[in-house]
Amino acid sequence: MDLSQFTGFLIFLSIFTMGFWLMIFLASFIVPYWLYGNIKEAIKYRKEAKKEKK
């Protein structure tokens, strides 16, 4: 394996690991935060709609 192949392998490995950790971060923090905010807002709008009906 010469230097250009080794450098390409290192670049591939770094991009792959960055993508892996980004997916872990998204799956463990961002998506649950987004879902929680979305559900909370939907409940708030339902309560407001129920108040307006009365």
PDB file of N, CA and C in Angstrom:
ATOM      1  N   MET A   1       0.855  -1.176   0.000  1.00  0.00           N
ATOM      2  CA  MET A   1       0.000   0.000   0.000  1.00  0.00           C
ATOM      3  C   MET A   1       0.900   1.238   0.000  1.00  0.00           C
ATOM      4  N   ASP A   2       0.736   2.082  -1.003  1.00  0.00           N
ATOM      5  CA  ASP A   2       1.566   3.284  -1.053  1.00  0.00           C
ATOM      6  C   ASP A   2       0.889   4.443  -0.322  1.00  0.00           C
ATOM      7  N   LEU A   3       1.530   5.586  -0.355  1.00  0.00           N
ATOM      8  CA  LEU A   3       1.076   6.729   0.440  1.00  0.00           C
ATOM      9  C   LEU A   3      -0.284   7.244  -0.011  1.00  0.00           C
ATOM     10  N   SER A   4      -0.565   7.273  -1.311  1.00  0.00           N
ATOM     11  CA  SER A   4      -1.849   7.805  -1.782  1.00  0.00           C
ATOM     12  C   SER A   4      -3.001   6.897  -1.375  1.00  0.00           C
ATOM     13  N   GLN A   5      -2.791   5.586  -1.423  1.00  0.00           N
ATOM     14  CA  GLN A   5      -3.839   4.659  -0.980  1.00  0.00           C
ATOM     15  C   GLN A   5      -4.078   4.797   0.518  1.00  0.00           C
ATOM     16  N   PHE A   6      -3.013   4.946   1.275  1.00  0.00           N
ATOM     17  CA  PHE A   6      -3.137   5.092   2.722  1.00  0.00           C
ATOM     18  C   PHE A   6      -3.864   6.385   3.080  1.00  0.00           C
ATOM     19  N   THR A   7      -3.548   7.477   2.369  1.00  0.00           N
ATOM     20  CA  THR A   7      -4.228   8.748   2.630  1.00  0.00           C
ATOM     21  C   THR A   7      -5.698   8.647   2.257  1.00  0.00           C
ATOM     22  N   GLY A   8      -6.007   8.017   1.154  1.00  0.00           N
ATOM     23  CA  GLY A   8      -7.403   7.820   0.781  1.00  0.00           C
ATOM     24  C   GLY A   8      -8.153   7.002   1.797  1.00  0.00           C
ATOM     25  N   PHE A   9      -7.500   5.959   2.305  1.00  0.00           N
ATOM     26  CA  PHE A   9      -8.119   5.135   3.338  1.00  0.00           C
ATOM     27  C   PHE A   9      -8.376   5.943   4.602  1.00  0.00           C
ATOM     28  N   LEU A  10      -7.431   6.776   4.999  1.00  0.00           N
ATOM     29  CA  LEU A  10      -7.619   7.612   6.191  1.00  0.00           C
ATOM     30  C   LEU A  10      -8.746   8.617   5.988  1.00  0.00           C
ATOM     31  N   ILE A  11      -8.845   9.197   4.806  1.00  0.00           N
ATOM     32  CA  ILE A  11      -9.929  10.142   4.520  1.00  0.00           C
ATOM     33  C   ILE A  11     -11.271   9.429   4.568  1.00  0.00           C
ATOM     34  N   PHE A  12     -11.337   8.248   3.952  1.00  0.00           N
ATOM     35  CA  PHE A  12     -12.576   7.466   3.994  1.00  0.00           C
ATOM     36  C   PHE A  12     -12.950   7.115   5.424  1.00  0.00           C
ATOM     37  N   LEU A  13     -11.978   6.681   6.203  1.00  0.00           N
ATOM     38  CA  LEU A  13     -12.235   6.294   7.583  1.00  0.00           C
ATOM     39  C   LEU A  13     -12.726   7.481   8.407  1.00  0.00           C
ATOM     40  N   SER A  14     -12.134   8.647   8.211  1.00  0.00           N
ATOM     41  CA  SER A  14     -12.561   9.813   8.990  1.00  0.00           C
ATOM     42  C   SER A  14     -13.978  10.244   8.598  1.00  0.00           C
ATOM     43  N   ILE A  15     -14.304  10.240   7.304  1.00  0.00           N
ATOM     44  CA  ILE A  15     -15.653  10.616   6.868  1.00  0.00           C
ATOM     45  C   ILE A  15     -16.666   9.600   7.379  1.00  0.00           C
ATOM     46  N   PHE A  16     -16.316   8.319   7.316  1.00  0.00           N
ATOM     47  CA  PHE A  16     -17.220   7.269   7.799  1.00  0.00           C
ATOM     48  C   PHE A  16     -17.495   7.414   9.289  1.00  0.00           C
ATOM     49  N   THR A  17     -16.458   7.653  10.085  1.00  0.00           N
ATOM     50  CA  THR A  17     -16.670   7.784  11.529  1.00  0.00           C
ATOM     51  C   THR A  17     -17.422   9.068  11.878  1.00  0.00           C
ATOM     52  N   MET A  18     -17.185  10.151  11.118  1.00  0.00           N
ATOM     53  CA  MET A  18     -17.957  11.377  11.359  1.00  0.00           C
ATOM     54  C   MET A  18     -19.438  11.135  11.091  1.00  0.00           C
ATOM     55  N   GLY A  19     -19.734  10.437  10.009  1.00  0.00           N
ATOM     56  CA  GLY A  19     -21.127  10.110   9.697  1.00  0.00           C
ATOM     57  C   GLY A  19     -21.746   9.208  10.745  1.00  0.00           C
ATOM     58  N   PHE A  20     -20.976   8.239  11.222  1.00  0.00           N
ATOM     59  CA  PHE A  20     -21.471   7.331  12.255  1.00  0.00           C
ATOM     60  C   PHE A  20     -21.835   8.090  13.523  1.00  0.00           C
ATOM     61  N   TRP A  21     -20.944   8.943  13.990  1.00  0.00           N
ATOM     62  CA  TRP A  21     -21.215   9.675  15.220  1.00  0.00           C
ATOM     63  C   TRP A  21     -22.313  10.715  15.030  1.00  0.00           C
ATOM     64  N   LEU A  22     -22.442  11.271  13.827  1.00  0.00           N
ATOM     65  CA  LEU A  22     -23.538  12.183  13.553  1.00  0.00           C
ATOM     66  C   LEU A  22     -24.875  11.453  13.628  1.00  0.00           C
ATOM     67  N   MET A  23     -24.945  10.244  13.095  1.00  0.00           N
ATOM     68  CA  MET A  23     -26.186   9.470  13.169  1.00  0.00           C
ATOM     69  C   MET A  23     -26.518   9.106  14.620  1.00  0.00           C
ATOM     70  N   ILE A  24     -25.510   8.757  15.405  1.00  0.00           N
ATOM     71  CA  ILE A  24     -25.735   8.462  16.828  1.00  0.00           C
ATOM     72  C   ILE A  24     -26.265   9.705  17.537  1.00  0.00           C
ATOM     73  N   PHE A  25     -25.657  10.859  17.268  1.00  0.00           N
ATOM     74  CA  PHE A  25     -26.093  12.115  17.888  1.00  0.00           C
ATOM     75  C   PHE A  25     -27.528  12.450  17.499  1.00  0.00           C
ATOM     76  N   LEU A  26     -27.844  12.311  16.209  1.00  0.00           N
ATOM     77  CA  LEU A  26     -29.197  12.619  15.754  1.00  0.00           C
ATOM     78  C   LEU A  26     -30.216  11.683  16.373  1.00  0.00           C
ATOM     79  N   ALA A  27     -29.896  10.410  16.431  1.00  0.00           N
ATOM     80  CA  ALA A  27     -30.849   9.423  16.937  1.00  0.00           C
ATOM     81  C   ALA A  27     -31.047   9.545  18.442  1.00  0.00           C
ATOM     82  N   SER A  28     -30.048  10.021  19.162  1.00  0.00           N
ATOM     83  CA  SER A  28     -30.173  10.034  20.618  1.00  0.00           C
ATOM     84  C   SER A  28     -30.570  11.390  21.196  1.00  0.00           C
ATOM     85  N   PHE A  29     -30.327  12.487  20.491  1.00  0.00           N
ATOM     86  CA  PHE A  29     -30.646  13.798  21.049  1.00  0.00           C
ATOM     87  C   PHE A  29     -31.619  14.612  20.196  1.00  0.00           C
ATOM     88  N   ILE A  30     -31.337  14.770  18.942  1.00  0.00           N
ATOM     89  CA  ILE A  30     -32.096  15.696  18.107  1.00  0.00           C
ATOM     90  C   ILE A  30     -33.504  15.177  17.816  1.00  0.00           C
ATOM     91  N   VAL A  31     -33.612  13.923  17.406  1.00  0.00           N
ATOM     92  CA  VAL A  31     -34.931  13.374  17.057  1.00  0.00           C
ATOM     93  C   VAL A  31     -35.859  13.319  18.277  1.00  0.00           C
ATOM     94  N   PRO A  32     -35.419  12.825  19.445  1.00  0.00           N
ATOM     95  CA  PRO A  32     -36.325  12.870  20.605  1.00  0.00           C
ATOM     96  C   PRO A  32     -36.710  14.291  21.017  1.00  0.00           C
ATOM     97  N   TYR A  33     -35.780  15.235  20.925  1.00  0.00           N
ATOM     98  CA  TYR A  33     -36.092  16.627  21.251  1.00  0.00           C
ATOM     99  C   TYR A  33     -37.151  17.168  20.289  1.00  0.00           C
ATOM    100  N   TRP A  34     -37.011  16.859  19.009  1.00  0.00           N
ATOM    101  CA  TRP A  34     -37.968  17.308  18.005  1.00  0.00           C
ATOM    102  C   TRP A  34     -39.337  16.683  18.244  1.00  0.00           C
ATOM    103  N   LEU A  35     -39.370  15.394  18.543  1.00  0.00           N
ATOM    104  CA  LEU A  35     -40.644  14.721  18.797  1.00  0.00           C
ATOM    105  C   LEU A  35     -41.325  15.278  20.043  1.00  0.00           C
ATOM    106  N   TYR A  36     -40.555  15.502  21.106  1.00  0.00           N
ATOM    107  CA  TYR A  36     -41.116  16.047  22.342  1.00  0.00           C
ATOM    108  C   TYR A  36     -41.736  17.422  22.093  1.00  0.00           C
ATOM    109  N   GLY A  37     -41.025  18.279  21.374  1.00  0.00           N
ATOM    110  CA  GLY A  37     -41.554  19.614  21.090  1.00  0.00           C
ATOM    111  C   GLY A  37     -42.790  19.565  20.210  1.00  0.00           C
ATOM    112  N   ASN A  38     -42.807  18.657  19.259  1.00  0.00           N
ATOM    113  CA  ASN A  38     -43.941  18.521  18.362  1.00  0.00           C
ATOM    114  C   ASN A  38     -45.184  18.034  19.112  1.00  0.00           C
ATOM    115  N   ILE A  39     -45.021  17.057  19.974  1.00  0.00           N
ATOM    116  CA  ILE A  39     -46.149  16.524  20.755  1.00  0.00           C
ATOM    117  C   ILE A  39     -46.652  17.572  21.733  1.00  0.00           C
ATOM    118  N   LYS A  40     -45.723  18.283  22.386  1.00  0.00           N
ATOM    119  CA  LYS A  40     -46.104  19.325  23.339  1.00  0.00           C
ATOM    120  C   LYS A  40     -46.909  20.430  22.655  1.00  0.00           C
ATOM    121  N   GLU A  41     -46.488  20.830  21.462  1.00  0.00           N
ATOM    122  CA  GLU A  41     -47.195  21.870  20.736  1.00  0.00           C
ATOM    123  C   GLU A  41     -48.572  21.384  20.279  1.00  0.00           C
ATOM    124  N   ALA A  42     -48.676  20.130  19.865  1.00  0.00           N
ATOM    125  CA  ALA A  42     -49.971  19.586  19.442  1.00  0.00           C
ATOM    126  C   ALA A  42     -50.952  19.548  20.610  1.00  0.00           C
ATOM    127  N   ILE A  43     -50.461  19.200  21.792  1.00  0.00           N
ATOM    128  CA  ILE A  43     -51.329  19.180  22.980  1.00  0.00           C
ATOM    129  C   ILE A  43     -51.789  20.596  23.315  1.00  0.00           C
ATOM    130  N   LYS A  44     -50.880  21.559  23.190  1.00  0.00           N
ATOM    131  CA  LYS A  44     -51.236  22.955  23.465  1.00  0.00           C
ATOM    132  C   LYS A  44     -52.326  23.438  22.514  1.00  0.00           C
ATOM    133  N   TYR A  45     -52.195  23.115  21.230  1.00  0.00           N
ATOM    134  CA  TYR A  45     -53.198  23.541  20.255  1.00  0.00           C
ATOM    135  C   TYR A  45     -54.538  22.849  20.497  1.00  0.00           C
ATOM    136  N   ARG A  46     -54.507  21.602  20.925  1.00  0.00           N
ATOM    137  CA  ARG A  46     -55.764  20.909  21.226  1.00  0.00           C
ATOM    138  C   ARG A  46     -56.472  21.547  22.414  1.00  0.00           C
ATOM    139  N   LYS A  47     -55.699  21.938  23.426  1.00  0.00           N
ATOM    140  CA  LYS A  47     -56.297  22.602  24.583  1.00  0.00           C
ATOM    141  C   LYS A  47     -56.902  23.948  24.197  1.00  0.00           C
ATOM    142  N   GLU A  48     -56.206  24.695  23.351  1.00  0.00           N
ATOM    143  CA  GLU A  48     -56.738  25.985  22.879  1.00  0.00           C
ATOM    144  C   GLU A  48     -57.987  25.789  22.059  1.00  0.00           C
ATOM    145  N   ALA A  49     -58.036  24.774  21.216  1.00  0.00           N
ATOM    146  CA  ALA A  49     -59.218  24.513  20.409  1.00  0.00           C
ATOM    147  C   ALA A  49     -60.395  24.101  21.277  1.00  0.00           C
ATOM    148  N   LYS A  50     -60.119  23.346  22.336  1.00  0.00           N
ATOM    149  CA  LYS A  50     -61.178  22.917  23.248  1.00  0.00           C
ATOM    150  C   LYS A  50     -61.736  24.124  23.999  1.00  0.00           C
ATOM    151  N   LYS A  51     -60.869  25.081  24.380  1.00  0.00           N
ATOM    152  CA  LYS A  51     -61.328  26.283  25.083  1.00  0.00           C
ATOM    153  C   LYS A  51     -62.198  27.148  24.172  1.00  0.00           C
ATOM    154  N   GLU A  52     -61.837  27.222  22.902  1.00  0.00           N
ATOM    155  CA  GLU A  52     -62.606  28.053  21.966  1.00  0.00           C
ATOM    156  C   GLU A  52     -63.967  27.469  21.663  1.00  0.00           C
ATOM    157  N   LYS A  53     -64.106  26.158  21.778  1.00  0.00           N
ATOM    158  CA  LYS A  53     -65.412  25.523  21.516  1.00  0.00           C
ATOM    159  C   LYS A  53     -66.408  25.840  22.625  1.00  0.00           C
ATOM    160  N   LYS A  54     -65.900  26.012  23.833  1.00  0.00           N
ATOM    161  CA  LYS A  54     -66.806  26.247  24.973  1.00  0.00           C
ATOM    162  C   LYS A  54     -67.353  27.639  24.995  1.00  0.00           C
TER     163      LYS A  54
END
